[in-house]
Amino acid sequence: MAATDVRPPQTNHGQPESATRSEQFDDIIKVLRTVSQWSPANRIYLIQKLLEDIAEGLQPFEPQKGGLDQLHALLKSDSPPPDDEEVERILEQARVERWNR
């Protein structure tokens, strides 16, 4: 993608959101024109550094505690699992319902 292919953020009326945004967009175009002349290795290095910088500001992901235990509790049943005949009946009923809509 060429640096001139980039479009500024638009409002509902097709205009840039503000003069500040327009100035920022101009800066982005200048940076893209400069960076497009760099070697691929240098561009990748810049991308890595930008992503590292962004990642520093993100909140770390913390999985829910007990999520798997809660899922097991929801799926737990005192009744025995269905046998092959019961599974076949369930599948056949689902097929009939699907095709009779």
PDB file of N, CA and C in Angstrom:
ATOM      1  N   MET A   1       0.850  -1.168   0.000  1.00  0.00           N
ATOM      2  CA  MET A   1       0.000   0.000   0.000  1.00  0.00           C
ATOM      3  C   MET A   1       0.896   1.232   0.000  1.00  0.00           C
ATOM      4  N   ALA A   2       0.598   2.129  -0.876  1.00  0.00           N
ATOM      5  CA  ALA A   2       1.363   3.363  -0.943  1.00  0.00           C
ATOM      6  C   ALA A   2       0.919   4.306   0.165  1.00  0.00           C
ATOM      7  N   ALA A   3       1.822   5.177   0.570  1.00  0.00           N
ATOM      8  CA  ALA A   3       1.510   6.113   1.655  1.00  0.00           C
ATOM      9  C   ALA A   3       0.326   6.997   1.308  1.00  0.00           C
ATOM     10  N   THR A   4       0.103   7.280   0.059  1.00  0.00           N
ATOM     11  CA  THR A   4      -1.009   8.143  -0.336  1.00  0.00           C
ATOM     12  C   THR A   4      -2.333   7.398  -0.385  1.00  0.00           C
ATOM     13  N   ASP A   5      -2.318   6.073  -0.233  1.00  0.00           N
ATOM     14  CA  ASP A   5      -3.557   5.283  -0.236  1.00  0.00           C
ATOM     15  C   ASP A   5      -4.287   5.356   1.098  1.00  0.00           C
ATOM     16  N   VAL A   6      -3.652   5.889   2.114  1.00  0.00           N
ATOM     17  CA  VAL A   6      -4.244   5.956   3.448  1.00  0.00           C
ATOM     18  C   VAL A   6      -5.274   7.067   3.480  1.00  0.00           C
ATOM     19  N   ARG A   7      -6.414   6.792   4.104  1.00  0.00           N
ATOM     20  CA  ARG A   7      -7.487   7.784   4.192  1.00  0.00           C
ATOM     21  C   ARG A   7      -7.624   8.270   5.640  1.00  0.00           C
ATOM     22  N   PRO A   8      -7.940   9.554   5.823  1.00  0.00           N
ATOM     23  CA  PRO A   8      -8.112  10.069   7.189  1.00  0.00           C
ATOM     24  C   PRO A   8      -9.406   9.555   7.788  1.00  0.00           C
ATOM     25  N   PRO A   9      -9.492   9.525   9.136  1.00  0.00           N
ATOM     26  CA  PRO A   9     -10.759   9.169   9.784  1.00  0.00           C
ATOM     27  C   PRO A   9     -11.836  10.161   9.359  1.00  0.00           C
ATOM     28  N   GLN A  10     -13.032   9.689   9.061  1.00  0.00           N
ATOM     29  CA  GLN A  10     -14.104  10.543   8.563  1.00  0.00           C
ATOM     30  C   GLN A  10     -15.255  10.632   9.565  1.00  0.00           C
ATOM     31  N   THR A  11     -15.966  11.732   9.518  1.00  0.00           N
ATOM     32  CA  THR A  11     -17.207  11.863  10.274  1.00  0.00           C
ATOM     33  C   THR A  11     -18.329  11.397   9.362  1.00  0.00           C
ATOM     34  N   ASN A  12     -19.563  11.530   9.827  1.00  0.00           N
ATOM     35  CA  ASN A  12     -20.706  11.145   9.006  1.00  0.00           C
ATOM     36  C   ASN A  12     -20.836  12.009   7.756  1.00  0.00           C
ATOM     37  N   HIS A  13     -20.232  13.183   7.771  1.00  0.00           N
ATOM     38  CA  HIS A  13     -20.351  14.104   6.651  1.00  0.00           C
ATOM     39  C   HIS A  13     -19.170  14.015   5.703  1.00  0.00           C
ATOM     40  N   GLY A  14     -18.288  13.052   5.897  1.00  0.00           N
ATOM     41  CA  GLY A  14     -17.172  12.859   5.000  1.00  0.00           C
ATOM     42  C   GLY A  14     -15.994  13.783   5.247  1.00  0.00           C
ATOM     43  N   GLN A  15     -16.024  14.510   6.328  1.00  0.00           N
ATOM     44  CA  GLN A  15     -14.946  15.436   6.641  1.00  0.00           C
ATOM     45  C   GLN A  15     -14.125  14.901   7.806  1.00  0.00           C
ATOM     46  N   PRO A  16     -12.808  15.240   7.862  1.00  0.00           N
ATOM     47  CA  PRO A  16     -12.020  14.840   9.032  1.00  0.00           C
ATOM     48  C   PRO A  16     -12.652  15.380  10.310  1.00  0.00           C
ATOM     49  N   GLU A  17     -12.482  14.649  11.421  1.00  0.00           N
ATOM     50  CA  GLU A  17     -13.158  14.992  12.668  1.00  0.00           C
ATOM     51  C   GLU A  17     -12.767  16.351  13.229  1.00  0.00           C
ATOM     52  N   SER A  18     -11.503  16.741  13.080  1.00  0.00           N
ATOM     53  CA  SER A  18     -11.086  18.038  13.604  1.00  0.00           C
ATOM     54  C   SER A  18      -9.800  18.462  12.924  1.00  0.00           C
ATOM     55  N   ALA A  19      -9.433  19.722  13.152  1.00  0.00           N
ATOM     56  CA  ALA A  19      -8.179  20.217  12.588  1.00  0.00           C
ATOM     57  C   ALA A  19      -7.015  19.439  13.177  1.00  0.00           C
ATOM     58  N   THR A  20      -7.095  19.096  14.443  1.00  0.00           N
ATOM     59  CA  THR A  20      -6.030  18.338  15.084  1.00  0.00           C
ATOM     60  C   THR A  20      -5.888  16.975  14.423  1.00  0.00           C
ATOM     61  N   ARG A  21      -7.006  16.322  14.166  1.00  0.00           N
ATOM     62  CA  ARG A  21      -6.966  15.015  13.488  1.00  0.00           C
ATOM     63  C   ARG A  21      -6.374  15.168  12.097  1.00  0.00           C
ATOM     64  N   SER A  22      -6.728  16.248  11.425  1.00  0.00           N
ATOM     65  CA  SER A  22      -6.198  16.486  10.091  1.00  0.00           C
ATOM     66  C   SER A  22      -4.682  16.680  10.139  1.00  0.00           C
ATOM     67  N   GLU A  23      -4.221  17.390  11.142  1.00  0.00           N
ATOM     68  CA  GLU A  23      -2.782  17.574  11.308  1.00  0.00           C
ATOM     69  C   GLU A  23      -2.107  16.243  11.623  1.00  0.00           C
ATOM     70  N   GLN A  24      -2.738  15.447  12.461  1.00  0.00           N
ATOM     71  CA  GLN A  24      -2.180  14.138  12.782  1.00  0.00           C
ATOM     72  C   GLN A  24      -2.120  13.268  11.532  1.00  0.00           C
ATOM     73  N   PHE A  25      -3.152  13.352  10.718  1.00  0.00           N
ATOM     74  CA  PHE A  25      -3.169  12.571   9.491  1.00  0.00           C
ATOM     75  C   PHE A  25      -2.030  13.001   8.568  1.00  0.00           C
ATOM     76  N   ASP A  26      -1.807  14.295   8.467  1.00  0.00           N
ATOM     77  CA  ASP A  26      -0.689  14.792   7.654  1.00  0.00           C
ATOM     78  C   ASP A  26       0.635  14.235   8.168  1.00  0.00           C
ATOM     79  N   ASP A  27       0.780  14.195   9.492  1.00  0.00           N
ATOM     80  CA  ASP A  27       2.003  13.628  10.078  1.00  0.00           C
ATOM     81  C   ASP A  27       2.143  12.143   9.731  1.00  0.00           C
ATOM     82  N   ILE A  28       1.025  11.435   9.773  1.00  0.00           N
ATOM     83  CA  ILE A  28       1.047  10.001   9.445  1.00  0.00           C
ATOM     84  C   ILE A  28       1.499   9.797   8.003  1.00  0.00           C
ATOM     85  N   ILE A  29       0.985  10.619   7.094  1.00  0.00           N
ATOM     86  CA  ILE A  29       1.370  10.513   5.682  1.00  0.00           C
ATOM     87  C   ILE A  29       2.871  10.754   5.532  1.00  0.00           C
ATOM     88  N   LYS A  30       3.386  11.752   6.226  1.00  0.00           N
ATOM     89  CA  LYS A  30       4.822  12.042   6.160  1.00  0.00           C
ATOM     90  C   LYS A  30       5.639  10.852   6.657  1.00  0.00           C
ATOM     91  N   VAL A  31       5.213  10.277   7.776  1.00  0.00           N
ATOM     92  CA  VAL A  31       5.921   9.118   8.331  1.00  0.00           C
ATOM     93  C   VAL A  31       5.859   7.955   7.354  1.00  0.00           C
ATOM     94  N   LEU A  32       4.686   7.693   6.783  1.00  0.00           N
ATOM     95  CA  LEU A  32       4.547   6.583   5.838  1.00  0.00           C
ATOM     96  C   LEU A  32       5.418   6.779   4.599  1.00  0.00           C
ATOM     97  N   ARG A  33       5.492   7.990   4.122  1.00  0.00           N
ATOM     98  CA  ARG A  33       6.350   8.256   2.958  1.00  0.00           C
ATOM     99  C   ARG A  33       7.810   7.989   3.300  1.00  0.00           C
ATOM    100  N   THR A  34       8.215   8.383   4.498  1.00  0.00           N
ATOM    101  CA  THR A  34       9.592   8.150   4.923  1.00  0.00           C
ATOM    102  C   THR A  34       9.849   6.664   5.112  1.00  0.00           C
ATOM    103  N   VAL A  35       8.966   5.999   5.850  1.00  0.00           N
ATOM    104  CA  VAL A  35       9.145   4.594   6.191  1.00  0.00           C
ATOM    105  C   VAL A  35       9.078   3.708   4.949  1.00  0.00           C
ATOM    106  N   SER A  36       8.292   4.102   3.950  1.00  0.00           N
ATOM    107  CA  SER A  36       8.171   3.274   2.744  1.00  0.00           C
ATOM    108  C   SER A  36       9.500   3.152   1.999  1.00  0.00           C
ATOM    109  N   GLN A  37      10.427   4.037   2.287  1.00  0.00           N
ATOM    110  CA  GLN A  37      11.742   3.981   1.639  1.00  0.00           C
ATOM    111  C   GLN A  37      12.739   3.126   2.427  1.00  0.00           C
ATOM    112  N   TRP A  38      12.374   2.694   3.604  1.00  0.00           N
ATOM    113  CA  TRP A  38      13.259   1.873   4.442  1.00  0.00           C
ATOM    114  C   TRP A  38      13.277   0.437   3.934  1.00  0.00           C
ATOM    115  N   SER A  39      14.267  -0.286   4.390  1.00  0.00           N
ATOM    116  CA  SER A  39      14.334  -1.711   4.075  1.00  0.00           C
ATOM    117  C   SER A  39      13.211  -2.443   4.826  1.00  0.00           C
ATOM    118  N   PRO A  40      12.795  -3.596   4.311  1.00  0.00           N
ATOM    119  CA  PRO A  40      11.767  -4.363   5.025  1.00  0.00           C
ATOM    120  C   PRO A  40      12.170  -4.682   6.462  1.00  0.00           C
ATOM    121  N   ALA A  41      13.432  -4.978   6.703  1.00  0.00           N
ATOM    122  CA  ALA A  41      13.875  -5.302   8.066  1.00  0.00           C
ATOM    123  C   ALA A  41      13.675  -4.118   9.008  1.00  0.00           C
ATOM    124  N   ASN A  42      13.978  -2.920   8.537  1.00  0.00           N
ATOM    125  CA  ASN A  42      13.798  -1.734   9.384  1.00  0.00           C
ATOM    126  C   ASN A  42      12.321  -1.435   9.618  1.00  0.00           C
ATOM    127  N   ARG A  43      11.483  -1.667   8.606  1.00  0.00           N
ATOM    128  CA  ARG A  43      10.040  -1.449   8.785  1.00  0.00           C
ATOM    129  C   ARG A  43       9.472  -2.440   9.800  1.00  0.00           C
ATOM    130  N   ILE A  44       9.917  -3.688   9.714  1.00  0.00           N
ATOM    131  CA  ILE A  44       9.449  -4.697  10.672  1.00  0.00           C
ATOM    132  C   ILE A  44       9.904  -4.336  12.079  1.00  0.00           C
ATOM    133  N   TYR A  45      11.128  -3.847  12.206  1.00  0.00           N
ATOM    134  CA  TYR A  45      11.635  -3.431  13.515  1.00  0.00           C
ATOM    135  C   TYR A  45      10.769  -2.298  14.074  1.00  0.00           C
ATOM    136  N   LEU A  46      10.399  -1.333  13.234  1.00  0.00           N
ATOM    137  CA  LEU A  46       9.540  -0.236  13.678  1.00  0.00           C
ATOM    138  C   LEU A  46       8.182  -0.765  14.142  1.00  0.00           C
ATOM    139  N   ILE A  47       7.624  -1.690  13.386  1.00  0.00           N
ATOM    140  CA  ILE A  47       6.335  -2.280  13.758  1.00  0.00           C
ATOM    141  C   ILE A  47       6.438  -2.964  15.115  1.00  0.00           C
ATOM    142  N   GLN A  48       7.506  -3.730  15.313  1.00  0.00           N
ATOM    143  CA  GLN A  48       7.693  -4.415  16.594  1.00  0.00           C
ATOM    144  C   GLN A  48       7.750  -3.413  17.741  1.00  0.00           C
ATOM    145  N   LYS A  49       8.496  -2.345  17.553  1.00  0.00           N
ATOM    146  CA  LYS A  49       8.626  -1.338  18.609  1.00  0.00           C
ATOM    147  C   LYS A  49       7.294  -0.646  18.873  1.00  0.00           C
ATOM    148  N   LEU A  50       6.540  -0.361  17.832  1.00  0.00           N
ATOM    149  CA  LEU A  50       5.226   0.262  18.018  1.00  0.00           C
ATOM    150  C   LEU A  50       4.285  -0.670  18.784  1.00  0.00           C
ATOM    151  N   LEU A  51       4.296  -1.956  18.418  1.00  0.00           N
ATOM    152  CA  LEU A  51       3.433  -2.913  19.111  1.00  0.00           C
ATOM    153  C   LEU A  51       3.843  -3.084  20.570  1.00  0.00           C
ATOM    154  N   GLU A  52       5.142  -3.105  20.826  1.00  0.00           N
ATOM    155  CA  GLU A  52       5.617  -3.188  22.216  1.00  0.00           C
ATOM    156  C   GLU A  52       5.146  -1.979  23.014  1.00  0.00           C
ATOM    157  N   ASP A  53       5.228  -0.809  22.399  1.00  0.00           N
ATOM    158  CA  ASP A  53       4.804   0.422  23.069  1.00  0.00           C
ATOM    159  C   ASP A  53       3.312   0.381  23.384  1.00  0.00           C
ATOM    160  N   ILE A  54       2.531  -0.082  22.430  1.00  0.00           N
ATOM    161  CA  ILE A  54       1.081  -0.190  22.644  1.00  0.00           C
ATOM    162  C   ILE A  54       0.780  -1.227  23.713  1.00  0.00           C
ATOM    163  N   ALA A  55       1.467  -2.363  23.670  1.00  0.00           N
ATOM    164  CA  ALA A  55       1.223  -3.449  24.622  1.00  0.00           C
ATOM    165  C   ALA A  55       1.501  -3.015  26.059  1.00  0.00           C
ATOM    166  N   GLU A  56       2.452  -2.131  26.252  1.00  0.00           N
ATOM    167  CA  GLU A  56       2.762  -1.671  27.606  1.00  0.00           C
ATOM    168  C   GLU A  56       1.566  -0.972  28.248  1.00  0.00           C
ATOM    169  N   GLY A  57       0.719  -0.358  27.436  1.00  0.00           N
ATOM    170  CA  GLY A  57      -0.437   0.351  27.963  1.00  0.00           C
ATOM    171  C   GLY A  57      -1.672  -0.503  28.142  1.00  0.00           C
ATOM    172  N   LEU A  58      -1.620  -1.743  27.686  1.00  0.00           N
ATOM    173  CA  LEU A  58      -2.784  -2.624  27.794  1.00  0.00           C
ATOM    174  C   LEU A  58      -2.834  -3.298  29.155  1.00  0.00           C
ATOM    175  N   GLN A  59      -4.041  -3.615  29.573  1.00  0.00           N
ATOM    176  CA  GLN A  59      -4.235  -4.358  30.815  1.00  0.00           C
ATOM    177  C   GLN A  59      -3.958  -5.837  30.538  1.00  0.00           C
ATOM    178  N   PRO A  60      -3.247  -6.502  31.420  1.00  0.00           N
ATOM    179  CA  PRO A  60      -2.989  -7.932  31.196  1.00  0.00           C
ATOM    180  C   PRO A  60      -4.289  -8.730  31.292  1.00  0.00           C
ATOM    181  N   PHE A  61      -4.353  -9.787  30.507  1.00  0.00           N
ATOM    182  CA  PHE A  61      -5.523 -10.665  30.523  1.00  0.00           C
ATOM    183  C   PHE A  61      -5.440 -11.577  31.729  1.00  0.00           C
ATOM    184  N   GLU A  62      -6.510 -11.598  32.494  1.00  0.00           N
ATOM    185  CA  GLU A  62      -6.581 -12.498  33.647  1.00  0.00           C
ATOM    186  C   GLU A  62      -7.799 -13.393  33.473  1.00  0.00           C
ATOM    187  N   PRO A  63      -7.566 -14.675  33.241  1.00  0.00           N
ATOM    188  CA  PRO A  63      -8.709 -15.572  33.057  1.00  0.00           C
ATOM    189  C   PRO A  63      -9.543 -15.659  34.327  1.00  0.00           C
ATOM    190  N   GLN A  64     -10.823 -15.917  34.137  1.00  0.00           N
ATOM    191  CA  GLN A  64     -11.707 -16.074  35.280  1.00  0.00           C
ATOM    192  C   GLN A  64     -11.281 -17.278  36.102  1.00  0.00           C
ATOM    193  N   LYS A  65     -11.331 -17.106  37.398  1.00  0.00           N
ATOM    194  CA  LYS A  65     -11.011 -18.234  38.271  1.00  0.00           C
ATOM    195  C   LYS A  65     -12.239 -19.124  38.393  1.00  0.00           C
ATOM    196  N   GLY A  66     -12.010 -20.401  38.320  1.00  0.00           N
ATOM    197  CA  GLY A  66     -13.104 -21.352  38.489  1.00  0.00           C
ATOM    198  C   GLY A  66     -13.967 -21.512  37.260  1.00  0.00           C
ATOM    199  N   GLY A  67     -13.575 -20.949  36.138  1.00  0.00           N
ATOM    200  CA  GLY A  67     -14.389 -21.038  34.930  1.00  0.00           C
ATOM    201  C   GLY A  67     -14.619 -22.462  34.486  1.00  0.00           C
ATOM    202  N   LEU A  68     -13.571 -23.257  34.491  1.00  0.00           N
ATOM    203  CA  LEU A  68     -13.694 -24.648  34.071  1.00  0.00           C
ATOM    204  C   LEU A  68     -14.541 -25.441  35.072  1.00  0.00           C
ATOM    205  N   ASP A  69     -14.348 -25.165  36.363  1.00  0.00           N
ATOM    206  CA  ASP A  69     -15.151 -25.847  37.379  1.00  0.00           C
ATOM    207  C   ASP A  69     -16.626 -25.496  37.230  1.00  0.00           C
ATOM    208  N   GLN A  70     -16.919 -24.243  36.910  1.00  0.00           N
ATOM    209  CA  GLN A  70     -18.315 -23.824  36.723  1.00  0.00           C
ATOM    210  C   GLN A  70     -18.915 -24.531  35.506  1.00  0.00           C
ATOM    211  N   LEU A  71     -18.131 -24.666  34.456  1.00  0.00           N
ATOM    212  CA  LEU A  71     -18.612 -25.356  33.266  1.00  0.00           C
ATOM    213  C   LEU A  71     -18.912 -26.826  33.570  1.00  0.00           C
ATOM    214  N   HIS A  72     -18.017 -27.468  34.294  1.00  0.00           N
ATOM    215  CA  HIS A  72     -18.249 -28.864  34.676  1.00  0.00           C
ATOM    216  C   HIS A  72     -19.516 -28.994  35.518  1.00  0.00           C
ATOM    217  N   ALA A  73     -19.738 -28.059  36.418  1.00  0.00           N
ATOM    218  CA  ALA A  73     -20.928 -28.110  37.264  1.00  0.00           C
ATOM    219  C   ALA A  73     -22.199 -27.979  36.426  1.00  0.00           C
ATOM    220  N   LEU A  74     -22.160 -27.144  35.399  1.00  0.00           N
ATOM    221  CA  LEU A  74     -23.328 -26.981  34.532  1.00  0.00           C
ATOM    222  C   LEU A  74     -23.617 -28.250  33.732  1.00  0.00           C
ATOM    223  N   LEU A  75     -22.565 -28.940  33.345  1.00  0.00           N
ATOM    224  CA  LEU A  75     -22.730 -30.137  32.523  1.00  0.00           C
ATOM    225  C   LEU A  75     -22.961 -31.408  33.326  1.00  0.00           C
ATOM    226  N   LYS A  76     -22.732 -31.333  34.622  1.00  0.00           N
ATOM    227  CA  LYS A  76     -22.854 -32.509  35.468  1.00  0.00           C
ATOM    228  C   LYS A  76     -24.319 -32.954  35.542  1.00  0.00           C
ATOM    229  N   SER A  77     -24.496 -34.261  35.488  1.00  0.00           N
ATOM    230  CA  SER A  77     -25.838 -34.829  35.549  1.00  0.00           C
ATOM    231  C   SER A  77     -25.785 -36.127  36.330  1.00  0.00           C
ATOM    232  N   ASP A  78     -26.856 -36.391  37.068  1.00  0.00           N
ATOM    233  CA  ASP A  78     -26.933 -37.642  37.815  1.00  0.00           C
ATOM    234  C   ASP A  78     -27.425 -38.787  36.936  1.00  0.00           C
ATOM    235  N   SER A  79     -28.006 -38.457  35.783  1.00  0.00           N
ATOM    236  CA  SER A  79     -28.510 -39.519  34.914  1.00  0.00           C
ATOM    237  C   SER A  79     -27.373 -40.074  34.056  1.00  0.00           C
ATOM    238  N   PRO A  80     -27.483 -41.332  33.674  1.00  0.00           N
ATOM    239  CA  PRO A  80     -26.431 -41.947  32.849  1.00  0.00           C
ATOM    240  C   PRO A  80     -26.450 -41.336  31.450  1.00  0.00           C
ATOM    241  N   PRO A  81     -25.333 -41.404  30.744  1.00  0.00           N
ATOM    242  CA  PRO A  81     -25.297 -40.873  29.383  1.00  0.00           C
ATOM    243  C   PRO A  81     -26.211 -41.699  28.479  1.00  0.00           C
ATOM    244  N   PRO A  82     -26.686 -41.102  27.392  1.00  0.00           N
ATOM    245  CA  PRO A  82     -27.584 -41.860  26.506  1.00  0.00           C
ATOM    246  C   PRO A  82     -26.844 -42.994  25.809  1.00  0.00           C
ATOM    247  N   ASP A  83     -27.581 -44.090  25.575  1.00  0.00           N
ATOM    248  CA  ASP A  83     -26.969 -45.192  24.835  1.00  0.00           C
ATOM    249  C   ASP A  83     -27.081 -44.886  23.333  1.00  0.00           C
ATOM    250  N   ASP A  84     -26.546 -45.776  22.500  1.00  0.00           N
ATOM    251  CA  ASP A  84     -26.505 -45.533  21.060  1.00  0.00           C
ATOM    252  C   ASP A  84     -27.903 -45.351  20.468  1.00  0.00           C
ATOM    253  N   GLU A  85     -28.869 -46.145  20.944  1.00  0.00           N
ATOM    254  CA  GLU A  85     -30.239 -46.045  20.430  1.00  0.00           C
ATOM    255  C   GLU A  85     -30.845 -44.690  20.767  1.00  0.00           C
ATOM    256  N   GLU A  86     -30.621 -44.222  21.996  1.00  0.00           N
ATOM    257  CA  GLU A  86     -31.153 -42.920  22.412  1.00  0.00           C
ATOM    258  C   GLU A  86     -30.509 -41.789  21.608  1.00  0.00           C
ATOM    259  N   VAL A  87     -29.211 -41.888  21.362  1.00  0.00           N
ATOM    260  CA  VAL A  87     -28.522 -40.878  20.560  1.00  0.00           C
ATOM    261  C   VAL A  87     -29.111 -40.846  19.155  1.00  0.00           C
ATOM    262  N   GLU A  88     -29.347 -42.011  18.590  1.00  0.00           N
ATOM    263  CA  GLU A  88     -29.926 -42.078  17.248  1.00  0.00           C
ATOM    264  C   GLU A  88     -31.310 -41.450  17.225  1.00  0.00           C
ATOM    265  N   ARG A  89     -32.127 -41.689  18.264  1.00  0.00           N
ATOM    266  CA  ARG A  89     -33.461 -41.072  18.343  1.00  0.00           C
ATOM    267  C   ARG A  89     -33.346 -39.555  18.433  1.00  0.00           C
ATOM    268  N   ILE A  90     -32.413 -39.069  19.233  1.00  0.00           N
ATOM    269  CA  ILE A  90     -32.222 -37.616  19.385  1.00  0.00           C
ATOM    270  C   ILE A  90     -31.811 -37.001  18.047  1.00  0.00           C
ATOM    271  N   LEU A  91     -30.871 -37.658  17.359  1.00  0.00           N
ATOM    272  CA  LEU A  91     -30.423 -37.147  16.073  1.00  0.00           C
ATOM    273  C   LEU A  91     -31.547 -37.163  15.036  1.00  0.00           C
ATOM    274  N   GLU A  92     -32.313 -38.228  15.013  1.00  0.00           N
ATOM    275  CA  GLU A  92     -33.416 -38.325  14.064  1.00  0.00           C
ATOM    276  C   GLU A  92     -34.456 -37.248  14.337  1.00  0.00           C
ATOM    277  N   GLN A  93     -34.758 -37.005  15.598  1.00  0.00           N
ATOM    278  CA  GLN A  93     -35.714 -35.960  15.960  1.00  0.00           C
ATOM    279  C   GLN A  93     -35.195 -34.587  15.509  1.00  0.00           C
ATOM    280  N   ALA A  94     -33.917 -34.338  15.669  1.00  0.00           N
ATOM    281  CA  ALA A  94     -33.333 -33.062  15.250  1.00  0.00           C
ATOM    282  C   ALA A  94     -33.405 -32.918  13.729  1.00  0.00           C
ATOM    283  N   ARG A  95     -33.182 -34.011  13.006  1.00  0.00           N
ATOM    284  CA  ARG A  95     -33.270 -33.978  11.539  1.00  0.00           C
ATOM    285  C   ARG A  95     -34.689 -33.652  11.086  1.00  0.00           C
ATOM    286  N   VAL A  96     -35.661 -34.326  11.713  1.00  0.00           N
ATOM    287  CA  VAL A  96     -37.065 -34.101  11.348  1.00  0.00           C
ATOM    288  C   VAL A  96     -37.435 -32.649  11.625  1.00  0.00           C
ATOM    289  N   GLU A  97     -37.046 -32.112  12.772  1.00  0.00           N
ATOM    290  CA  GLU A  97     -37.364 -30.725  13.096  1.00  0.00           C
ATOM    291  C   GLU A  97     -36.685 -29.772  12.126  1.00  0.00           C
ATOM    292  N   ARG A  98     -35.482 -30.096  11.740  1.00  0.00           N
ATOM    293  CA  ARG A  98     -34.747 -29.210  10.825  1.00  0.00           C
ATOM    294  C   ARG A  98     -35.403 -29.156   9.455  1.00  0.00           C
ATOM    295  N   TRP A  99     -35.807 -30.312   8.933  1.00  0.00           N
ATOM    296  CA  TRP A  99     -36.326 -30.355   7.587  1.00  0.00           C
ATOM    297  C   TRP A  99     -37.819 -30.058   7.486  1.00  0.00           C
ATOM    298  N   ASN A 100     -38.529 -30.008   8.608  1.00  0.00           N
ATOM    299  CA  ASN A 100     -39.972 -29.702   8.597  1.00  0.00           C
ATOM    300  C   ASN A 100     -40.262 -28.238   8.928  1.00  0.00           C
ATOM    301  N   ARG A 101     -39.280 -27.413   8.871  1.00  0.00           N
ATOM    302  CA  ARG A 101     -39.508 -25.974   9.157  1.00  0.00           C
ATOM    303  C   ARG A 101     -40.203 -25.317   8.008  1.00  0.00           C
TER     304      ARG A 101
END
